Structures are given as C-alpha cells and as structure tokens.
Amino acid sequence: MSTTSTTQTLPTNASIERPRSGTWDGGNEPFKASYGKLMMWFFLLSDAFTFAAFLTTYGLMRHRHLAYTGDHKDFVFSSAYWPIPDHVFNSFPGLHGVDLPLAFVALMTMILIFSSVTMVLAVEAGHRMDKADVQKWLLWTLLFGATFLSCQAWEWSHFIHGTDAGTKMLDGTIFYGANLQMNQYGPVLFADLFFFITGFHGTHVFSGLVLLTYCFIATTNGTFEKRGHYEMVEKVGLYWHFVDLVWVFVFTFFYLV
C-alpha cells in the first residue's frame, strides 16, 4: 500500500511574512531610537571609557602615594603624602580666611544637579511641542551651566594662587599654589591630575553650553517646530545628563576620597 505526498512549491520571489517585534527587525529603528540618538549613545559610551581611564589612573596614583596618618587638625601640606581634600578645597568666594571644607564644591554640584532637572523639563516640553516651555527651561539650563563653569574657574584660580601661608619647599623657598611643575598642597601629580581631569570635564560642560545655545536659538527661530519634533533637544539632553553624571564620579574621587 503506497501513500502519495503532495509538496507545494513557493515561487522564488515569494516572501514569508513573519511577526515583527518592533525592536531589532530589519528596517526598524533599534529600540525605537533614531539614528541620531543611537549615535549619541555610542559617543557617550566611548566618552565614558575615557573618563573611566582617567579616574582609574587617579586612583592608581593615589594608591601609590602615602596617606596622612596623623591627627586631622595637625595636618600640614607636604609633598611626602597625598593631601586631605578638606584642607585643599575649604575656601568660599567672599569669605576669605573662613574654613568651609568642600562647601563651595558642594554648591557647584547642586548647581549642576539643578541644571539636569531643568534639562529634563526642556525635553518633556519638547515632547508636548510647547515652544515657550522649551525656551524657558533651556535658558535656565544655560544659566545653571554657565554658573557652574564660572564656579569652576574660581576654583581653579584659588587652587593656582594657593593659601596665604604657602608651603616651604625643599630648597627653603616658600611656594604658593600649584602648577604643572610645583604644588603647594602635596605631590605634583595631585595638581597635574586635578588640572587634567577637571579641565577635561569643564571642556565637556563648555561644549554642552554651545549645544544648548544652538538649541535655544533654533527653538526661538521655530526650526524644530518646522521639523515637527524637538529630537535635537533630547539628544543634547542625553549629553548634558552624561556630563552631570560624570561630575558625580569626579567629585567622589577628588573631593571625598
């Protein structure tokens, strides 16, 4: 007894319809993210590796140097051990001679956090296509960012000029402040890494301010309304939040460790 099987052959140009997940299928935007946002994420990932390398280097250099083991109140600056941040960053604008450990740096951090909040509000307003609100919150973000950068400039200026007492060097001279070759506060590497890492972060903040200025002008001119979306504001927002997040790690490494 024999059975006969019938096989149906599809034409060579026929395609089989498959259910689409909307995530990684061909022709779809990955995770519904546009090309521009995806490239921004790739850039931020590579930038995160760069900052991680710098902060790891700081950690290794910090580990290689001796730490001060005496009483906190008896601490004096010396190249023999790594300085205590509370004694280095204890000044506040307009309060000369007042010992306020990390108060000004804490204020800078709060300003940057506020700028991140206003950036979120600008992106949310863009989703609602509310031009006036986008303008308002972008302007606030610009003001907070510029204030932070001004504070960082003051911090650098104070760090460079040093304290009133200065530090006696090995040759008997009194040196004030820090540069790339000499450092009142401790080992030269402490000053080198401070200038390099905080300066690198400050460059990112400045770049963010340039991008925010462009977004503010384009919003005012109605450019994004004509496009029908405020995606550029969202992409700049990703960059700005990254800069804020990196500062948390810089703050932890330099000012708390």
C-alpha atoms as a PDB file:
ATOM      1  CA  MET A   1       0.000   0.000   0.000  1.00  0.00           C
ATOM      2  CA  SER A   2       1.549   3.281  -1.022  1.00  0.00           C
ATOM      3  CA  THR A   3       0.905   6.835   0.097  1.00  0.00           C
ATOM      4  CA  THR A   4       1.250   9.871  -2.066  1.00  0.00           C
ATOM      5  CA  SER A   5       2.576  13.160  -0.580  1.00  0.00           C
ATOM      6  CA  THR A   6       1.959  16.482  -2.163  1.00  0.00           C
ATOM      7  CA  THR A   7       4.584  19.230  -1.796  1.00  0.00           C
ATOM      8  CA  GLN A   8       3.658  22.819  -2.508  1.00  0.00           C
ATOM      9  CA  THR A   9       6.495  24.830  -4.023  1.00  0.00           C
ATOM     10  CA  LEU A  10       6.539  28.580  -3.425  1.00  0.00           C
ATOM     11  CA  PRO A  11       7.633  30.896  -6.216  1.00  0.00           C
ATOM     12  CA  THR A  12      11.261  32.016  -5.900  1.00  0.00           C
ATOM     13  CA  ASN A  13      10.235  35.642  -5.453  1.00  0.00           C
ATOM     14  CA  ALA A  14       7.713  34.900  -2.702  1.00  0.00           C
ATOM     15  CA  SER A  15       8.391  36.097   0.842  1.00  0.00           C
ATOM     16  CA  ILE A  16       7.182  34.616   4.098  1.00  0.00           C
ATOM     17  CA  GLU A  17       5.500  37.091   6.429  1.00  0.00           C
ATOM     18  CA  ARG A  18       6.889  36.909   9.958  1.00  0.00           C
ATOM     19  CA  PRO A  19       5.673  38.734  13.019  1.00  0.00           C
ATOM     20  CA  ARG A  20       7.699  41.875  13.700  1.00  0.00           C
ATOM     21  CA  SER A  21       8.829  42.575  17.235  1.00  0.00           C
ATOM     22  CA  GLY A  22       9.454  46.266  16.613  1.00  0.00           C
ATOM     23  CA  THR A  23      12.917  46.082  18.203  1.00  0.00           C
ATOM     24  CA  TRP A  24      15.695  44.543  16.106  1.00  0.00           C
ATOM     25  CA  ASP A  25      13.868  43.504  12.927  1.00  0.00           C
ATOM     26  CA  GLY A  26      15.344  44.762   9.680  1.00  0.00           C
ATOM     27  CA  GLY A  27      14.138  48.182   8.629  1.00  0.00           C
ATOM     28  CA  ASN A  28      13.180  49.141  12.180  1.00  0.00           C
ATOM     29  CA  GLU A  29      14.861  51.628  14.488  1.00  0.00           C
ATOM     30  CA  PRO A  30      16.634  49.682  17.287  1.00  0.00           C
ATOM     31  CA  PHE A  31      14.594  50.111  20.476  1.00  0.00           C
ATOM     32  CA  LYS A  32      12.656  52.776  18.532  1.00  0.00           C
ATOM     33  CA  ALA A  33      15.679  55.096  18.817  1.00  0.00           C
ATOM     34  CA  SER A  34      16.526  57.258  15.832  1.00  0.00           C
ATOM     35  CA  TYR A  35      19.900  57.131  14.136  1.00  0.00           C
ATOM     36  CA  GLY A  36      20.930  60.399  15.793  1.00  0.00           C
ATOM     37  CA  LYS A  37      20.079  59.225  19.315  1.00  0.00           C
ATOM     38  CA  LEU A  38      21.780  55.882  18.701  1.00  0.00           C
ATOM     39  CA  MET A  39      24.980  57.617  17.594  1.00  0.00           C
ATOM     40  CA  MET A  40      24.827  59.877  20.652  1.00  0.00           C
ATOM     41  CA  TRP A  41      24.644  56.786  22.877  1.00  0.00           C
ATOM     42  CA  PHE A  42      27.672  55.317  21.089  1.00  0.00           C
ATOM     43  CA  PHE A  43      29.598  58.555  21.625  1.00  0.00           C
ATOM     44  CA  LEU A  44      28.667  58.711  25.297  1.00  0.00           C
ATOM     45  CA  LEU A  45      29.744  55.103  25.774  1.00  0.00           C
ATOM     46  CA  SER A  46      33.178  55.820  24.284  1.00  0.00           C
ATOM     47  CA  ASP A  47      33.446  59.000  26.370  1.00  0.00           C
ATOM     48  CA  ALA A  48      32.562  57.022  29.498  1.00  0.00           C
ATOM     49  CA  PHE A  49      35.537  54.729  28.814  1.00  0.00           C
ATOM     50  CA  THR A  50      37.786  57.801  28.527  1.00  0.00           C
ATOM     51  CA  PHE A  51      36.673  59.245  31.851  1.00  0.00           C
ATOM     52  CA  ALA A  52      36.913  55.805  33.456  1.00  0.00           C
ATOM     53  CA  ALA A  53      40.530  55.536  32.290  1.00  0.00           C
ATOM     54  CA  PHE A  54      41.388  58.967  33.727  1.00  0.00           C
ATOM     55  CA  LEU A  55      39.743  58.276  37.079  1.00  0.00           C
ATOM     56  CA  THR A  56      41.349  54.838  37.270  1.00  0.00           C
ATOM     57  CA  THR A  57      44.717  56.492  36.703  1.00  0.00           C
ATOM     58  CA  TYR A  58      43.942  58.912  39.530  1.00  0.00           C
ATOM     59  CA  GLY A  59      43.045  56.020  41.800  1.00  0.00           C
ATOM     60  CA  LEU A  60      46.279  54.187  40.997  1.00  0.00           C
ATOM     61  CA  MET A  61      48.393  57.298  41.627  1.00  0.00           C
ATOM     62  CA  ARG A  62      46.524  57.946  44.853  1.00  0.00           C
ATOM     63  CA  HIS A  63      47.208  54.371  45.962  1.00  0.00           C
ATOM     64  CA  ARG A  64      50.928  54.653  45.185  1.00  0.00           C
ATOM     65  CA  HIS A  65      51.413  57.667  47.436  1.00  0.00           C
ATOM     66  CA  LEU A  66      51.411  57.635  51.209  1.00  0.00           C
ATOM     67  CA  ALA A  67      48.344  58.895  53.044  1.00  0.00           C
ATOM     68  CA  TYR A  68      48.483  61.278  56.000  1.00  0.00           C
ATOM     69  CA  THR A  69      48.144  59.195  59.166  1.00  0.00           C
ATOM     70  CA  GLY A  70      48.314  61.866  61.882  1.00  0.00           C
ATOM     71  CA  ASP A  71      45.603  63.819  63.612  1.00  0.00           C
ATOM     72  CA  HIS A  72      43.354  65.656  61.163  1.00  0.00           C
ATOM     73  CA  LYS A  73      43.780  69.015  62.938  1.00  0.00           C
ATOM     74  CA  ASP A  74      47.594  68.731  62.796  1.00  0.00           C
ATOM     75  CA  PHE A  75      47.680  68.265  59.025  1.00  0.00           C
ATOM     76  CA  VAL A  76      50.121  70.415  57.053  1.00  0.00           C
ATOM     77  CA  PHE A  77      50.785  70.399  53.328  1.00  0.00           C
ATOM     78  CA  SER A  78      53.748  68.270  52.292  1.00  0.00           C
ATOM     79  CA  SER A  79      54.975  66.502  49.170  1.00  0.00           C
ATOM     80  CA  ALA A  80      55.624  63.433  51.342  1.00  0.00           C
ATOM     81  CA  TYR A  81      51.961  62.370  51.350  1.00  0.00           C
ATOM     82  CA  TRP A  82      48.705  62.885  49.473  1.00  0.00           C
ATOM     83  CA  PRO A  83      46.785  65.976  50.668  1.00  0.00           C
ATOM     84  CA  ILE A  84      43.481  65.827  52.534  1.00  0.00           C
ATOM     85  CA  PRO A  85      40.770  67.390  50.283  1.00  0.00           C
ATOM     86  CA  ASP A  86      39.103  69.114  53.258  1.00  0.00           C
ATOM     87  CA  HIS A  87      42.225  71.272  53.691  1.00  0.00           C
ATOM     88  CA  VAL A  88      42.734  71.964  49.984  1.00  0.00           C
ATOM     89  CA  PHE A  89      39.168  72.853  48.969  1.00  0.00           C
ATOM     90  CA  ASN A  90      37.997  74.796  52.004  1.00  0.00           C
ATOM     91  CA  SER A  91      37.526  78.320  50.636  1.00  0.00           C
ATOM     92  CA  PHE A  92      34.380  80.166  49.606  1.00  0.00           C
ATOM     93  CA  PRO A  93      34.087  83.309  47.446  1.00  0.00           C
ATOM     94  CA  GLY A  94      33.684  86.421  49.589  1.00  0.00           C
ATOM     95  CA  LEU A  95      34.589  84.606  52.811  1.00  0.00           C
ATOM     96  CA  HIS A  96      38.363  84.940  52.880  1.00  0.00           C
ATOM     97  CA  GLY A  97      40.017  83.093  55.726  1.00  0.00           C
ATOM     98  CA  VAL A  98      36.886  81.158  56.720  1.00  0.00           C
ATOM     99  CA  ASP A  99      37.396  77.388  56.844  1.00  0.00           C
ATOM    100  CA  LEU A 100      34.484  75.781  54.980  1.00  0.00           C
ATOM    101  CA  PRO A 101      35.608  72.308  53.850  1.00  0.00           C
ATOM    102  CA  LEU A 102      34.062  71.313  50.495  1.00  0.00           C
ATOM    103  CA  ALA A 103      31.222  73.839  50.885  1.00  0.00           C
ATOM    104  CA  PHE A 104      31.875  75.568  47.570  1.00  0.00           C
ATOM    105  CA  VAL A 105      32.307  72.273  45.704  1.00  0.00           C
ATOM    106  CA  ALA A 106      29.019  71.053  47.191  1.00  0.00           C
ATOM    107  CA  LEU A 107      27.344  74.219  45.901  1.00  0.00           C
ATOM    108  CA  MET A 108      28.805  73.603  42.434  1.00  0.00           C
ATOM    109  CA  THR A 109      27.433  70.068  42.495  1.00  0.00           C
ATOM    110  CA  MET A 110      23.956  71.263  43.449  1.00  0.00           C
ATOM    111  CA  ILE A 111      24.004  73.808  40.606  1.00  0.00           C
ATOM    112  CA  LEU A 112      24.843  71.065  38.113  1.00  0.00           C
ATOM    113  CA  ILE A 113      22.087  68.828  39.508  1.00  0.00           C
ATOM    114  CA  PHE A 114      19.572  71.673  39.131  1.00  0.00           C
ATOM    115  CA  SER A 115      20.690  72.095  35.509  1.00  0.00           C
ATOM    116  CA  SER A 116      19.940  68.425  34.915  1.00  0.00           C
ATOM    117  CA  VAL A 117      16.417  68.893  36.287  1.00  0.00           C
ATOM    118  CA  THR A 118      15.727  71.872  34.017  1.00  0.00           C
ATOM    119  CA  MET A 119      17.100  69.881  31.063  1.00  0.00           C
ATOM    120  CA  VAL A 120      14.581  67.110  31.790  1.00  0.00           C
ATOM    121  CA  LEU A 121      11.811  69.709  31.812  1.00  0.00           C
ATOM    122  CA  ALA A 122      13.007  71.116  28.466  1.00  0.00           C
ATOM    123  CA  VAL A 123      12.923  67.644  26.872  1.00  0.00           C
ATOM    124  CA  GLU A 124       9.458  66.982  28.323  1.00  0.00           C
ATOM    125  CA  ALA A 125       8.218  70.306  26.928  1.00  0.00           C
ATOM    126  CA  GLY A 126       9.613  69.285  23.550  1.00  0.00           C
ATOM    127  CA  HIS A 127       7.547  66.105  23.625  1.00  0.00           C
ATOM    128  CA  ARG A 128       4.476  68.305  24.169  1.00  0.00           C
ATOM    129  CA  MET A 129       5.614  70.602  21.316  1.00  0.00           C
ATOM    130  CA  ASP A 130       5.460  73.521  23.767  1.00  0.00           C
ATOM    131  CA  LYS A 131       7.872  76.040  22.284  1.00  0.00           C
ATOM    132  CA  ALA A 132       7.611  78.571  25.123  1.00  0.00           C
ATOM    133  CA  ASP A 133       8.407  75.998  27.802  1.00  0.00           C
ATOM    134  CA  VAL A 134      11.318  74.582  25.810  1.00  0.00           C
ATOM    135  CA  GLN A 135      12.776  78.086  25.563  1.00  0.00           C
ATOM    136  CA  LYS A 136      12.260  78.745  29.267  1.00  0.00           C
ATOM    137  CA  TRP A 137      13.868  75.535  30.525  1.00  0.00           C
ATOM    138  CA  LEU A 138      16.736  75.671  28.033  1.00  0.00           C
ATOM    139  CA  LEU A 139      17.505  79.182  29.236  1.00  0.00           C
ATOM    140  CA  TRP A 140      17.531  78.009  32.864  1.00  0.00           C
ATOM    141  CA  THR A 141      19.831  75.117  31.924  1.00  0.00           C
ATOM    142  CA  LEU A 142      22.161  77.552  30.183  1.00  0.00           C
ATOM    143  CA  LEU A 143      22.253  79.811  33.234  1.00  0.00           C
ATOM    144  CA  PHE A 144      22.980  76.931  35.622  1.00  0.00           C
ATOM    145  CA  GLY A 145      25.662  75.533  33.313  1.00  0.00           C
ATOM    146  CA  ALA A 146      27.368  78.897  32.886  1.00  0.00           C
ATOM    147  CA  THR A 147      27.258  79.421  36.660  1.00  0.00           C
ATOM    148  CA  PHE A 148      28.887  76.047  37.246  1.00  0.00           C
ATOM    149  CA  LEU A 149      31.629  76.851  34.731  1.00  0.00           C
ATOM    150  CA  SER A 150      32.239  80.215  36.415  1.00  0.00           C
ATOM    151  CA  CYS A 151      32.494  78.474  39.791  1.00  0.00           C
ATOM    152  CA  GLN A 152      34.999  76.024  38.349  1.00  0.00           C
ATOM    153  CA  ALA A 153      37.046  78.930  37.002  1.00  0.00           C
ATOM    154  CA  TRP A 154      37.114  80.469  40.506  1.00  0.00           C
ATOM    155  CA  GLU A 155      38.103  77.097  41.999  1.00  0.00           C
ATOM    156  CA  TRP A 156      40.986  76.819  39.537  1.00  0.00           C
ATOM    157  CA  SER A 157      42.088  80.388  40.257  1.00  0.00           C
ATOM    158  CA  HIS A 158      42.155  79.764  44.000  1.00  0.00           C
ATOM    159  CA  PHE A 159      43.950  76.446  43.536  1.00  0.00           C
ATOM    160  CA  ILE A 160      46.602  78.097  41.341  1.00  0.00           C
ATOM    161  CA  HIS A 161      47.216  81.069  43.661  1.00  0.00           C
ATOM    162  CA  GLY A 162      47.245  78.993  46.863  1.00  0.00           C
ATOM    163  CA  THR A 163      46.836  79.854  50.518  1.00  0.00           C
ATOM    164  CA  ASP A 164      48.212  82.894  52.342  1.00  0.00           C
ATOM    165  CA  ALA A 165      50.788  80.817  54.223  1.00  0.00           C
ATOM    166  CA  GLY A 166      52.164  78.861  51.288  1.00  0.00           C
ATOM    167  CA  THR A 167      54.401  75.824  51.745  1.00  0.00           C
ATOM    168  CA  LYS A 168      58.122  75.676  52.432  1.00  0.00           C
ATOM    169  CA  MET A 169      59.857  73.729  49.674  1.00  0.00           C
ATOM    170  CA  LEU A 170      62.981  71.571  49.986  1.00  0.00           C
ATOM    171  CA  ASP A 171      65.236  74.449  48.909  1.00  0.00           C
ATOM    172  CA  GLY A 172      63.832  76.654  51.694  1.00  0.00           C
ATOM    173  CA  THR A 173      61.708  78.889  49.483  1.00  0.00           C
ATOM    174  CA  ILE A 174      58.016  79.495  50.104  1.00  0.00           C
ATOM    175  CA  PHE A 175      55.771  78.415  47.229  1.00  0.00           C
ATOM    176  CA  TYR A 176      52.152  79.425  46.824  1.00  0.00           C
ATOM    177  CA  GLY A 177      49.511  77.491  44.901  1.00  0.00           C
ATOM    178  CA  ALA A 178      50.089  74.905  42.222  1.00  0.00           C
ATOM    179  CA  ASN A 179      51.050  74.468  38.604  1.00  0.00           C
ATOM    180  CA  LEU A 180      52.122  71.533  36.449  1.00  0.00           C
ATOM    181  CA  GLN A 181      55.652  71.526  37.943  1.00  0.00           C
ATOM    182  CA  MET A 182      55.218  72.568  41.586  1.00  0.00           C
ATOM    183  CA  ASN A 183      52.450  72.027  44.105  1.00  0.00           C
ATOM    184  CA  GLN A 184      51.942  73.676  47.478  1.00  0.00           C
ATOM    185  CA  TYR A 185      49.369  71.119  48.563  1.00  0.00           C
ATOM    186  CA  GLY A 186      51.316  67.880  48.079  1.00  0.00           C
ATOM    187  CA  PRO A 187      52.793  65.703  45.312  1.00  0.00           C
ATOM    188  CA  VAL A 188      52.953  67.340  41.881  1.00  0.00           C
ATOM    189  CA  LEU A 189      50.819  64.544  40.422  1.00  0.00           C
ATOM    190  CA  PHE A 190      47.882  65.678  42.556  1.00  0.00           C
ATOM    191  CA  ALA A 191      47.881  69.067  40.833  1.00  0.00           C
ATOM    192  CA  ASP A 192      48.521  67.565  37.377  1.00  0.00           C
ATOM    193  CA  LEU A 193      45.583  65.182  37.658  1.00  0.00           C
ATOM    194  CA  PHE A 194      43.349  67.885  39.129  1.00  0.00           C
ATOM    195  CA  PHE A 195      44.011  70.231  36.218  1.00  0.00           C
ATOM    196  CA  PHE A 196      43.699  67.495  33.607  1.00  0.00           C
ATOM    197  CA  ILE A 197      40.553  65.706  34.791  1.00  0.00           C
ATOM    198  CA  THR A 198      38.540  68.703  35.996  1.00  0.00           C
ATOM    199  CA  GLY A 199      39.682  70.629  32.920  1.00  0.00           C
ATOM    200  CA  PHE A 200      38.562  67.784  30.655  1.00  0.00           C
ATOM    201  CA  HIS A 201      35.172  67.780  32.373  1.00  0.00           C
ATOM    202  CA  GLY A 202      34.991  71.571  32.149  1.00  0.00           C
ATOM    203  CA  THR A 203      35.591  71.305  28.395  1.00  0.00           C
ATOM    204  CA  HIS A 204      32.597  68.988  28.180  1.00  0.00           C
ATOM    205  CA  VAL A 205      30.481  71.490  30.113  1.00  0.00           C
ATOM    206  CA  PHE A 206      31.557  74.269  27.736  1.00  0.00           C
ATOM    207  CA  SER A 207      30.717  72.074  24.715  1.00  0.00           C
ATOM    208  CA  GLY A 208      27.326  71.395  26.270  1.00  0.00           C
ATOM    209  CA  LEU A 209      26.709  75.128  26.665  1.00  0.00           C
ATOM    210  CA  VAL A 210      27.491  75.641  22.971  1.00  0.00           C
ATOM    211  CA  LEU A 211      24.986  72.920  22.031  1.00  0.00           C
ATOM    212  CA  LEU A 212      22.376  74.345  24.412  1.00  0.00           C
ATOM    213  CA  THR A 213      22.853  77.805  22.892  1.00  0.00           C
ATOM    214  CA  TYR A 214      22.237  76.350  19.425  1.00  0.00           C
ATOM    215  CA  CYS A 215      19.083  74.587  20.666  1.00  0.00           C
ATOM    216  CA  PHE A 216      17.811  77.768  22.290  1.00  0.00           C
ATOM    217  CA  ILE A 217      18.358  79.817  19.102  1.00  0.00           C
ATOM    218  CA  ALA A 218      16.824  77.101  16.899  1.00  0.00           C
ATOM    219  CA  THR A 219      13.809  76.878  19.212  1.00  0.00           C
ATOM    220  CA  THR A 220      13.360  80.638  19.188  1.00  0.00           C
ATOM    221  CA  ASN A 221      13.552  80.697  15.379  1.00  0.00           C
ATOM    222  CA  GLY A 222      10.968  77.924  15.106  1.00  0.00           C
ATOM    223  CA  THR A 223      13.364  75.474  13.436  1.00  0.00           C
ATOM    224  CA  PHE A 224      12.245  72.483  15.487  1.00  0.00           C
ATOM    225  CA  GLU A 225       8.568  73.340  15.097  1.00  0.00           C
ATOM    226  CA  LYS A 226       9.001  73.243  11.328  1.00  0.00           C
ATOM    227  CA  ARG A 227      10.638  69.821  11.617  1.00  0.00           C
ATOM    228  CA  GLY A 228       7.717  68.620  13.698  1.00  0.00           C
ATOM    229  CA  HIS A 229       9.824  67.410  16.624  1.00  0.00           C
ATOM    230  CA  TYR A 230      12.389  68.501  19.229  1.00  0.00           C
ATOM    231  CA  GLU A 231      14.662  65.483  18.940  1.00  0.00           C
ATOM    232  CA  MET A 232      17.781  67.663  18.885  1.00  0.00           C
ATOM    233  CA  VAL A 233      16.891  68.931  22.353  1.00  0.00           C
ATOM    234  CA  GLU A 234      16.565  65.326  23.525  1.00  0.00           C
ATOM    235  CA  LYS A 235      19.979  64.385  22.085  1.00  0.00           C
ATOM    236  CA  VAL A 236      21.646  67.374  23.738  1.00  0.00           C
ATOM    237  CA  GLY A 237      19.822  66.395  26.924  1.00  0.00           C
ATOM    238  CA  LEU A 238      21.468  62.956  26.829  1.00  0.00           C
ATOM    239  CA  TYR A 239      24.869  64.622  26.541  1.00  0.00           C
ATOM    240  CA  TRP A 240      24.103  67.055  29.360  1.00  0.00           C
ATOM    241  CA  HIS A 241      22.944  64.320  31.731  1.00  0.00           C
ATOM    242  CA  PHE A 242      26.125  62.387  30.967  1.00  0.00           C
ATOM    243  CA  VAL A 243      28.244  65.415  31.872  1.00  0.00           C
ATOM    244  CA  ASP A 244      26.317  65.758  35.138  1.00  0.00           C
ATOM    245  CA  LEU A 245      26.749  62.072  35.944  1.00  0.00           C
ATOM    246  CA  VAL A 246      30.487  62.154  35.270  1.00  0.00           C
ATOM    247  CA  TRP A 247      30.847  65.067  37.709  1.00  0.00           C
ATOM    248  CA  VAL A 248      29.473  62.830  40.488  1.00  0.00           C
ATOM    249  CA  PHE A 249      32.430  60.475  39.947  1.00  0.00           C
ATOM    250  CA  VAL A 250      34.947  63.324  39.637  1.00  0.00           C
ATOM    251  CA  PHE A 251      33.554  64.829  42.845  1.00  0.00           C
ATOM    252  CA  THR A 252      33.837  61.469  44.622  1.00  0.00           C
ATOM    253  CA  PHE A 253      37.407  60.779  43.539  1.00  0.00           C
ATOM    254  CA  PHE A 254      38.906  64.240  44.039  1.00  0.00           C
ATOM    255  CA  TYR A 255      36.961  65.709  46.906  1.00  0.00           C
ATOM    256  CA  LEU A 256      35.833  62.751  49.013  1.00  0.00           C
ATOM    257  CA  VAL A 257      38.496  60.021  48.642  1.00  0.00           C
END
